[in-house]
Full PDB file with SEQRES, HELIX, SHEET, SSBOND, CRYST1, ORIGX, SCALE, CONECT and MASTER records, all heavy atoms in Angstrom:
SEQRES   1 A   33  VAL GLY LEU SER ILE ASP GLY PRO ALA ASP LEU HIS ASP          
SEQRES   2 A   33  ILE HIS ARG TYR ASN LYS GLY GLY LYS PRO THR HIS ALA          
SEQRES   3 A   33  LYS VAL MET HIS ALA ALA GLN                                  
HELIX    1 AA1 ALA A    9  HIS A   15  1                                   7    
HELIX    2 AA2 HIS A   25  ALA A   32  1                                   8    
CRYST1    1.000    1.000    1.000  90.00  90.00  90.00 P 1           1          
ORIGX1      1.000000  0.000000  0.000000        0.00000                         
ORIGX2      0.000000  1.000000  0.000000        0.00000                         
ORIGX3      0.000000  0.000000  1.000000        0.00000                         
SCALE1      1.000000  0.000000  0.000000        0.00000                         
SCALE2      0.000000  1.000000  0.000000        0.00000                         
SCALE3      0.000000  0.000000  1.000000        0.00000                         
ATOM      1  N   VAL A   1      11.939  51.422 -34.933  1.00  0.00           N  
ATOM      2  CA  VAL A   1      12.809  50.450 -34.274  1.00  0.00           C  
ATOM      3  C   VAL A   1      13.023  50.844 -32.825  1.00  0.00           C  
ATOM      4  O   VAL A   1      13.212  52.020 -32.506  1.00  0.00           O  
ATOM      5  CB  VAL A   1      14.173  50.358 -34.997  1.00  0.00           C  
ATOM      6  CG1 VAL A   1      15.149  49.458 -34.228  1.00  0.00           C  
ATOM      7  CG2 VAL A   1      13.979  49.836 -36.423  1.00  0.00           C  
ATOM      8  N   GLY A   2      12.965  49.856 -31.944  1.00  0.00           N  
ATOM      9  CA  GLY A   2      13.365  50.041 -30.561  1.00  0.00           C  
ATOM     10  C   GLY A   2      14.710  49.368 -30.365  1.00  0.00           C  
ATOM     11  O   GLY A   2      14.842  48.161 -30.572  1.00  0.00           O  
ATOM     12  N   LEU A   3      15.725  50.132 -30.026  1.00  0.00           N  
ATOM     13  CA  LEU A   3      17.085  49.617 -29.881  1.00  0.00           C  
ATOM     14  C   LEU A   3      17.449  49.563 -28.398  1.00  0.00           C  
ATOM     15  O   LEU A   3      17.413  50.574 -27.705  1.00  0.00           O  
ATOM     16  CB  LEU A   3      18.075  50.504 -30.635  1.00  0.00           C  
ATOM     17  CG  LEU A   3      19.533  50.031 -30.684  1.00  0.00           C  
ATOM     18  CD1 LEU A   3      19.664  48.747 -31.497  1.00  0.00           C  
ATOM     19  CD2 LEU A   3      20.428  51.126 -31.266  1.00  0.00           C  
ATOM     20  N   SER A   4      17.792  48.384 -27.913  1.00  0.00           N  
ATOM     21  CA  SER A   4      18.111  48.217 -26.499  1.00  0.00           C  
ATOM     22  C   SER A   4      19.544  48.646 -26.205  1.00  0.00           C  
ATOM     23  O   SER A   4      20.492  48.109 -26.787  1.00  0.00           O  
ATOM     24  CB  SER A   4      17.918  46.752 -26.089  1.00  0.00           C  
ATOM     25  OG  SER A   4      16.572  46.366 -26.205  1.00  0.00           O  
ATOM     26  N   ILE A   5      19.697  49.612 -25.323  1.00  0.00           N  
ATOM     27  CA  ILE A   5      21.021  50.081 -24.929  1.00  0.00           C  
ATOM     28  C   ILE A   5      20.913  50.712 -23.539  1.00  0.00           C  
ATOM     29  O   ILE A   5      19.999  51.494 -23.278  1.00  0.00           O  
ATOM     30  CB  ILE A   5      21.602  51.074 -25.960  1.00  0.00           C  
ATOM     31  CG1 ILE A   5      23.019  51.481 -25.571  1.00  0.00           C  
ATOM     32  CG2 ILE A   5      20.691  52.276 -26.171  1.00  0.00           C  
ATOM     33  CD1 ILE A   5      23.777  52.168 -26.707  1.00  0.00           C  
ATOM     34  N   ASP A   6      21.832  50.374 -22.665  1.00  0.00           N  
ATOM     35  CA  ASP A   6      21.724  50.757 -21.255  1.00  0.00           C  
ATOM     36  C   ASP A   6      22.694  51.847 -20.831  1.00  0.00           C  
ATOM     37  O   ASP A   6      23.033  51.960 -19.645  1.00  0.00           O  
ATOM     38  CB  ASP A   6      21.928  49.522 -20.367  1.00  0.00           C  
ATOM     39  CG  ASP A   6      20.775  48.546 -20.457  1.00  0.00           C  
ATOM     40  OD1 ASP A   6      19.756  48.873 -21.095  1.00  0.00           O  
ATOM     41  OD2 ASP A   6      20.896  47.433 -19.897  1.00  0.00           O  
ATOM     42  N   GLY A   7      23.143  52.674 -21.791  1.00  0.00           N  
ATOM     43  CA  GLY A   7      24.061  53.749 -21.444  1.00  0.00           C  
ATOM     44  C   GLY A   7      25.431  53.512 -22.035  1.00  0.00           C  
ATOM     45  O   GLY A   7      25.599  52.735 -22.984  1.00  0.00           O  
ATOM     46  N   PRO A   8      26.468  54.172 -21.499  1.00  0.00           N  
ATOM     47  CA  PRO A   8      27.829  53.975 -22.002  1.00  0.00           C  
ATOM     48  C   PRO A   8      28.309  52.552 -21.768  1.00  0.00           C  
ATOM     49  O   PRO A   8      27.714  51.787 -21.007  1.00  0.00           O  
ATOM     50  CB  PRO A   8      28.646  54.992 -21.207  1.00  0.00           C  
ATOM     51  CG  PRO A   8      27.833  55.291 -19.990  1.00  0.00           C  
ATOM     52  CD  PRO A   8      26.412  55.148 -20.392  1.00  0.00           C  
ATOM     53  N   ALA A   9      29.415  52.206 -22.412  1.00  0.00           N  
ATOM     54  CA  ALA A   9      29.884  50.820 -22.447  1.00  0.00           C  
ATOM     55  C   ALA A   9      30.083  50.216 -21.058  1.00  0.00           C  
ATOM     56  O   ALA A   9      29.731  49.057 -20.813  1.00  0.00           O  
ATOM     57  CB  ALA A   9      31.177  50.733 -23.252  1.00  0.00           C  
ATOM     58  N   ASP A  10      30.671  50.993 -20.131  1.00  0.00           N  
ATOM     59  CA  ASP A  10      30.972  50.422 -18.822  1.00  0.00           C  
ATOM     60  C   ASP A  10      29.724  50.043 -18.037  1.00  0.00           C  
ATOM     61  O   ASP A  10      29.777  49.169 -17.162  1.00  0.00           O  
ATOM     62  CB  ASP A  10      31.832  51.394 -18.001  1.00  0.00           C  
ATOM     63  CG  ASP A  10      31.137  52.718 -17.734  1.00  0.00           C  
ATOM     64  OD1 ASP A  10      30.460  53.225 -18.647  1.00  0.00           O  
ATOM     65  OD2 ASP A  10      31.263  53.244 -16.613  1.00  0.00           O  
ATOM     66  N   LEU A  11      28.597  50.660 -18.358  1.00  0.00           N  
ATOM     67  CA  LEU A  11      27.335  50.321 -17.705  1.00  0.00           C  
ATOM     68  C   LEU A  11      26.530  49.307 -18.528  1.00  0.00           C  
ATOM     69  O   LEU A  11      25.964  48.362 -17.971  1.00  0.00           O  
ATOM     70  CB  LEU A  11      26.510  51.577 -17.469  1.00  0.00           C  
ATOM     71  CG  LEU A  11      27.137  52.621 -16.537  1.00  0.00           C  
ATOM     72  CD1 LEU A  11      26.285  53.889 -16.490  1.00  0.00           C  
ATOM     73  CD2 LEU A  11      27.309  52.052 -15.132  1.00  0.00           C  
ATOM     74  N   HIS A  12      26.482  49.500 -19.822  1.00  0.00           N  
ATOM     75  CA  HIS A  12      25.744  48.596 -20.709  1.00  0.00           C  
ATOM     76  C   HIS A  12      26.267  47.167 -20.621  1.00  0.00           C  
ATOM     77  O   HIS A  12      25.494  46.205 -20.511  1.00  0.00           O  
ATOM     78  CB  HIS A  12      25.858  49.111 -22.152  1.00  0.00           C  
ATOM     79  CG  HIS A  12      25.291  48.201 -23.192  1.00  0.00           C  
ATOM     80  ND1 HIS A  12      24.032  48.353 -23.719  1.00  0.00           N  
ATOM     81  CD2 HIS A  12      25.830  47.116 -23.821  1.00  0.00           C  
ATOM     82  CE1 HIS A  12      23.809  47.416 -24.615  1.00  0.00           C  
ATOM     83  NE2 HIS A  12      24.882  46.654 -24.704  1.00  0.00           N  
ATOM     84  N   ASP A  13      27.579  47.020 -20.661  1.00  0.00           N  
ATOM     85  CA  ASP A  13      28.182  45.685 -20.761  1.00  0.00           C  
ATOM     86  C   ASP A  13      28.167  44.894 -19.450  1.00  0.00           C  
ATOM     87  O   ASP A  13      28.523  43.711 -19.438  1.00  0.00           O  
ATOM     88  CB  ASP A  13      29.619  45.791 -21.283  1.00  0.00           C  
ATOM     89  CG  ASP A  13      29.681  46.163 -22.762  1.00  0.00           C  
ATOM     90  OD1 ASP A  13      28.717  45.847 -23.477  1.00  0.00           O  
ATOM     91  OD2 ASP A  13      30.685  46.770 -23.185  1.00  0.00           O  
ATOM     92  N   ILE A  14      27.735  45.517 -18.371  1.00  0.00           N  
ATOM     93  CA  ILE A  14      27.613  44.779 -17.111  1.00  0.00           C  
ATOM     94  C   ILE A  14      26.605  43.645 -17.254  1.00  0.00           C  
ATOM     95  O   ILE A  14      26.826  42.520 -16.782  1.00  0.00           O  
ATOM     96  CB  ILE A  14      27.186  45.708 -15.956  1.00  0.00           C  
ATOM     97  CG1 ILE A  14      28.275  46.735 -15.658  1.00  0.00           C  
ATOM     98  CG2 ILE A  14      26.881  44.889 -14.696  1.00  0.00           C  
ATOM     99  CD1 ILE A  14      27.846  47.792 -14.640  1.00  0.00           C  
ATOM    100  N   HIS A  15      25.507  43.934 -17.930  1.00  0.00           N  
ATOM    101  CA  HIS A  15      24.412  42.964 -17.999  1.00  0.00           C  
ATOM    102  C   HIS A  15      24.089  42.487 -19.413  1.00  0.00           C  
ATOM    103  O   HIS A  15      23.453  41.440 -19.561  1.00  0.00           O  
ATOM    104  CB  HIS A  15      23.138  43.564 -17.382  1.00  0.00           C  
ATOM    105  CG  HIS A  15      23.269  43.866 -15.931  1.00  0.00           C  
ATOM    106  ND1 HIS A  15      23.213  42.893 -14.954  1.00  0.00           N  
ATOM    107  CD2 HIS A  15      23.463  45.045 -15.285  1.00  0.00           C  
ATOM    108  CE1 HIS A  15      23.351  43.449 -13.772  1.00  0.00           C  
ATOM    109  NE2 HIS A  15      23.507  44.757 -13.937  1.00  0.00           N  
ATOM    110  N   ARG A  16      24.511  43.231 -20.438  1.00  0.00           N  
ATOM    111  CA  ARG A  16      24.133  42.881 -21.805  1.00  0.00           C  
ATOM    112  C   ARG A  16      25.350  42.299 -22.541  1.00  0.00           C  
ATOM    113  O   ARG A  16      26.170  43.032 -23.090  1.00  0.00           O  
ATOM    114  CB  ARG A  16      23.575  44.095 -22.545  1.00  0.00           C  
ATOM    115  CG  ARG A  16      22.318  44.675 -21.883  1.00  0.00           C  
ATOM    116  CD  ARG A  16      21.625  45.687 -22.773  1.00  0.00           C  
ATOM    117  NE  ARG A  16      21.135  45.088 -24.001  1.00  0.00           N  
ATOM    118  CZ  ARG A  16      19.976  44.432 -24.120  1.00  0.00           C  
ATOM    119  NH1 ARG A  16      19.179  44.293 -23.072  1.00  0.00           N  
ATOM    120  NH2 ARG A  16      19.621  43.929 -25.276  1.00  0.00           N  
ATOM    121  N   TYR A  17      25.418  40.983 -22.542  1.00  0.00           N  
ATOM    122  CA  TYR A  17      26.537  40.281 -23.183  1.00  0.00           C  
ATOM    123  C   TYR A  17      26.003  39.118 -24.008  1.00  0.00           C  
ATOM    124  O   TYR A  17      24.833  38.717 -23.889  1.00  0.00           O  
ATOM    125  CB  TYR A  17      27.541  39.787 -22.140  1.00  0.00           C  
ATOM    126  CG  TYR A  17      26.941  39.295 -20.849  1.00  0.00           C  
ATOM    127  CD1 TYR A  17      26.342  38.040 -20.747  1.00  0.00           C  
ATOM    128  CD2 TYR A  17      26.941  40.114 -19.706  1.00  0.00           C  
ATOM    129  CE1 TYR A  17      25.789  37.596 -19.560  1.00  0.00           C  
ATOM    130  CE2 TYR A  17      26.378  39.669 -18.512  1.00  0.00           C  
ATOM    131  CZ  TYR A  17      25.803  38.409 -18.447  1.00  0.00           C  
ATOM    132  OH  TYR A  17      25.250  37.977 -17.271  1.00  0.00           O  
ATOM    133  N   ASN A  18      26.868  38.582 -24.879  1.00  0.00           N  
ATOM    134  CA  ASN A  18      26.426  37.499 -25.750  1.00  0.00           C  
ATOM    135  C   ASN A  18      26.533  36.151 -25.052  1.00  0.00           C  
ATOM    136  O   ASN A  18      26.872  36.068 -23.872  1.00  0.00           O  
ATOM    137  CB  ASN A  18      27.191  37.527 -27.079  1.00  0.00           C  
ATOM    138  CG  ASN A  18      28.687  37.252 -26.903  1.00  0.00           C  
ATOM    139  OD1 ASN A  18      29.132  36.698 -25.897  1.00  0.00           O  
ATOM    140  ND2 ASN A  18      29.472  37.654 -27.896  1.00  0.00           N  
ATOM    141  N   LYS A  19      26.267  35.081 -25.808  1.00  0.00           N  
ATOM    142  CA  LYS A  19      26.257  33.739 -25.219  1.00  0.00           C  
ATOM    143  C   LYS A  19      27.634  33.330 -24.703  1.00  0.00           C  
ATOM    144  O   LYS A  19      27.746  32.456 -23.846  1.00  0.00           O  
ATOM    145  CB  LYS A  19      25.775  32.713 -26.251  1.00  0.00           C  
ATOM    146  CG  LYS A  19      24.361  32.942 -26.755  1.00  0.00           C  
ATOM    147  CD  LYS A  19      23.326  32.778 -25.666  1.00  0.00           C  
ATOM    148  CE  LYS A  19      21.907  32.906 -26.228  1.00  0.00           C  
ATOM    149  NZ  LYS A  19      20.885  32.803 -25.176  1.00  0.00           N  
ATOM    150  N   GLY A  20      28.667  33.963 -25.212  1.00  0.00           N  
ATOM    151  CA  GLY A  20      30.012  33.671 -24.738  1.00  0.00           C  
ATOM    152  C   GLY A  20      30.493  34.610 -23.661  1.00  0.00           C  
ATOM    153  O   GLY A  20      31.660  34.566 -23.259  1.00  0.00           O  
ATOM    154  N   GLY A  21      29.609  35.481 -23.184  1.00  0.00           N  
ATOM    155  CA  GLY A  21      29.964  36.423 -22.130  1.00  0.00           C  
ATOM    156  C   GLY A  21      30.714  37.644 -22.620  1.00  0.00           C  
ATOM    157  O   GLY A  21      31.256  38.406 -21.811  1.00  0.00           O  
ATOM    158  N   LYS A  22      30.736  37.859 -23.936  1.00  0.00           N  
ATOM    159  CA  LYS A  22      31.462  38.999 -24.507  1.00  0.00           C  
ATOM    160  C   LYS A  22      30.589  40.244 -24.520  1.00  0.00           C  
ATOM    161  O   LYS A  22      29.359  40.170 -24.675  1.00  0.00           O  
ATOM    162  CB  LYS A  22      31.903  38.680 -25.934  1.00  0.00           C  
ATOM    163  CG  LYS A  22      32.816  37.459 -26.046  1.00  0.00           C  
ATOM    164  CD  LYS A  22      34.140  37.683 -25.353  1.00  0.00           C  
ATOM    165  CE  LYS A  22      35.074  36.486 -25.568  1.00  0.00           C  
ATOM    166  NZ  LYS A  22      36.370  36.672 -24.855  1.00  0.00           N  
ATOM    167  N   PRO A  23      31.195  41.427 -24.390  1.00  0.00           N  
ATOM    168  CA  PRO A  23      30.421  42.677 -24.384  1.00  0.00           C  
ATOM    169  C   PRO A  23      29.767  42.948 -25.736  1.00  0.00           C  
ATOM    170  O   PRO A  23      30.224  42.468 -26.775  1.00  0.00           O  
ATOM    171  CB  PRO A  23      31.473  43.731 -24.040  1.00  0.00           C  
ATOM    172  CG  PRO A  23      32.782  43.133 -24.459  1.00  0.00           C  
ATOM    173  CD  PRO A  23      32.646  41.661 -24.207  1.00  0.00           C  
ATOM    174  N   THR A  24      28.699  43.730 -25.718  1.00  0.00           N  
ATOM    175  CA  THR A  24      27.936  43.992 -26.947  1.00  0.00           C  
ATOM    176  C   THR A  24      27.806  45.472 -27.289  1.00  0.00           C  
ATOM    177  O   THR A  24      27.262  45.812 -28.335  1.00  0.00           O  
ATOM    178  CB  THR A  24      26.515  43.415 -26.804  1.00  0.00           C  
ATOM    179  OG1 THR A  24      25.841  44.076 -25.707  1.00  0.00           O  
ATOM    180  CG2 THR A  24      26.559  41.913 -26.546  1.00  0.00           C  
ATOM    181  N   HIS A  25      28.326  46.342 -26.447  1.00  0.00           N  
ATOM    182  CA  HIS A  25      28.066  47.775 -26.628  1.00  0.00           C  
ATOM    183  C   HIS A  25      28.528  48.292 -27.987  1.00  0.00           C  
ATOM    184  O   HIS A  25      27.792  49.048 -28.652  1.00  0.00           O  
ATOM    185  CB  HIS A  25      28.751  48.565 -25.513  1.00  0.00           C  
ATOM    186  CG  HIS A  25      28.340  50.007 -25.466  1.00  0.00           C  
ATOM    187  ND1 HIS A  25      29.038  51.004 -26.121  1.00  0.00           N  
ATOM    188  CD2 HIS A  25      27.299  50.624 -24.844  1.00  0.00           C  
ATOM    189  CE1 HIS A  25      28.460  52.169 -25.886  1.00  0.00           C  
ATOM    190  NE2 HIS A  25      27.408  51.969 -25.121  1.00  0.00           N  
ATOM    191  N   ALA A  26      29.698  47.909 -28.425  1.00  0.00           N  
ATOM    192  CA  ALA A  26      30.228  48.413 -29.696  1.00  0.00           C  
ATOM    193  C   ALA A  26      29.320  48.037 -30.860  1.00  0.00           C  
ATOM    194  O   ALA A  26      29.096  48.841 -31.776  1.00  0.00           O  
ATOM    195  CB  ALA A  26      31.640  47.878 -29.918  1.00  0.00           C  
ATOM    196  N   LYS A  27      28.784  46.828 -30.828  1.00  0.00           N  
ATOM    197  CA  LYS A  27      27.901  46.389 -31.916  1.00  0.00           C  
ATOM    198  C   LYS A  27      26.573  47.133 -31.882  1.00  0.00           C  
ATOM    199  O   LYS A  27      25.996  47.438 -32.931  1.00  0.00           O  
ATOM    200  CB  LYS A  27      27.672  44.882 -31.821  1.00  0.00           C  
ATOM    201  CG  LYS A  27      28.919  44.060 -32.156  1.00  0.00           C  
ATOM    202  CD  LYS A  27      28.617  42.569 -32.169  1.00  0.00           C  
ATOM    203  CE  LYS A  27      29.869  41.783 -32.589  1.00  0.00           C  
ATOM    204  NZ  LYS A  27      29.611  40.318 -32.634  1.00  0.00           N  
ATOM    205  N   VAL A  28      26.088  47.440 -30.694  1.00  0.00           N  
ATOM    206  CA  VAL A  28      24.839  48.199 -30.597  1.00  0.00           C  
ATOM    207  C   VAL A  28      25.040  49.625 -31.106  1.00  0.00           C  
ATOM    208  O   VAL A  28      24.187  50.168 -31.810  1.00  0.00           O  
ATOM    209  CB  VAL A  28      24.314  48.203 -29.150  1.00  0.00           C  
ATOM    210  CG1 VAL A  28      23.014  48.994 -29.059  1.00  0.00           C  
ATOM    211  CG2 VAL A  28      24.086  46.779 -28.657  1.00  0.00           C  
ATOM    212  N   MET A  29      26.153  50.215 -30.780  1.00  0.00           N  
ATOM    213  CA  MET A  29      26.435  51.555 -31.273  1.00  0.00           C  
ATOM    214  C   MET A  29      26.610  51.570 -32.795  1.00  0.00           C  
ATOM    215  O   MET A  29      26.220  52.527 -33.472  1.00  0.00           O  
ATOM    216  CB  MET A  29      27.690  52.112 -30.591  1.00  0.00           C  
ATOM    217  CG  MET A  29      27.477  52.492 -29.130  1.00  0.00           C  
ATOM    218  SD  MET A  29      26.169  53.732 -28.898  1.00  0.00           S  
ATOM    219  CE  MET A  29      26.906  55.178 -29.692  1.00  0.00           C  
ATOM    220  N   HIS A  30      27.162  50.493 -33.331  1.00  0.00           N  
ATOM    221  CA  HIS A  30      27.255  50.379 -34.797  1.00  0.00           C  
ATOM    222  C   HIS A  30      25.856  50.309 -35.401  1.00  0.00           C  
ATOM    223  O   HIS A  30      25.593  50.929 -36.448  1.00  0.00           O  
ATOM    224  CB  HIS A  30      28.056  49.137 -35.178  1.00  0.00           C  
ATOM    225  CG  HIS A  30      28.144  48.906 -36.656  1.00  0.00           C  
ATOM    226  ND1 HIS A  30      28.795  49.780 -37.510  1.00  0.00           N  
ATOM    227  CD2 HIS A  30      27.665  47.899 -37.446  1.00  0.00           C  
ATOM    228  CE1 HIS A  30      28.712  49.334 -38.748  1.00  0.00           C  
ATOM    229  NE2 HIS A  30      28.029  48.195 -38.740  1.00  0.00           N  
ATOM    230  N   ALA A  31      24.964  49.580 -34.758  1.00  0.00           N  
ATOM    231  CA  ALA A  31      23.586  49.514 -35.240  1.00  0.00           C  
ATOM    232  C   ALA A  31      22.931  50.889 -35.213  1.00  0.00           C  
ATOM    233  O   ALA A  31      22.224  51.275 -36.157  1.00  0.00           O  
ATOM    234  CB  ALA A  31      22.787  48.527 -34.383  1.00  0.00           C  
ATOM    235  N   ALA A  32      23.159  51.650 -34.140  1.00  0.00           N  
ATOM    236  CA  ALA A  32      22.604  53.002 -34.052  1.00  0.00           C  
ATOM    237  C   ALA A  32      23.131  53.877 -35.189  1.00  0.00           C  
ATOM    238  O   ALA A  32      22.380  54.661 -35.790  1.00  0.00           O  
ATOM    239  CB  ALA A  32      22.942  53.619 -32.698  1.00  0.00           C  
ATOM    240  N   GLN A  33      24.425  53.726 -35.481  1.00  0.00           N  
ATOM    241  CA  GLN A  33      25.024  54.491 -36.575  1.00  0.00           C  
ATOM    242  C   GLN A  33      24.368  54.143 -37.909  1.00  0.00           C  
ATOM    243  O   GLN A  33      24.053  55.028 -38.714  1.00  0.00           O  
ATOM    244  CB  GLN A  33      26.524  54.210 -36.631  1.00  0.00           C  
ATOM    245  CG  GLN A  33      27.256  54.999 -37.700  1.00  0.00           C  
ATOM    246  CD  GLN A  33      28.751  54.661 -37.757  1.00  0.00           C  
ATOM    247  OE1 GLN A  33      29.167  53.608 -37.278  1.00  0.00           O  
ATOM    248  NE2 GLN A  33      29.531  55.547 -38.338  1.00  0.00           N  
TER     249      GLN A  33                                                      
MASTER        0    0    0    2    0    0    0    6  248    1    0    3          
END                                                                             
């Protein structure tokens, strides 16, 4: 699996958000777990 993640939340969530503009970092970290 290749999991897309751009670093800690404050950096990742700048550009990686859902269709509603909400942050995604917590969900990606849950996937990693």
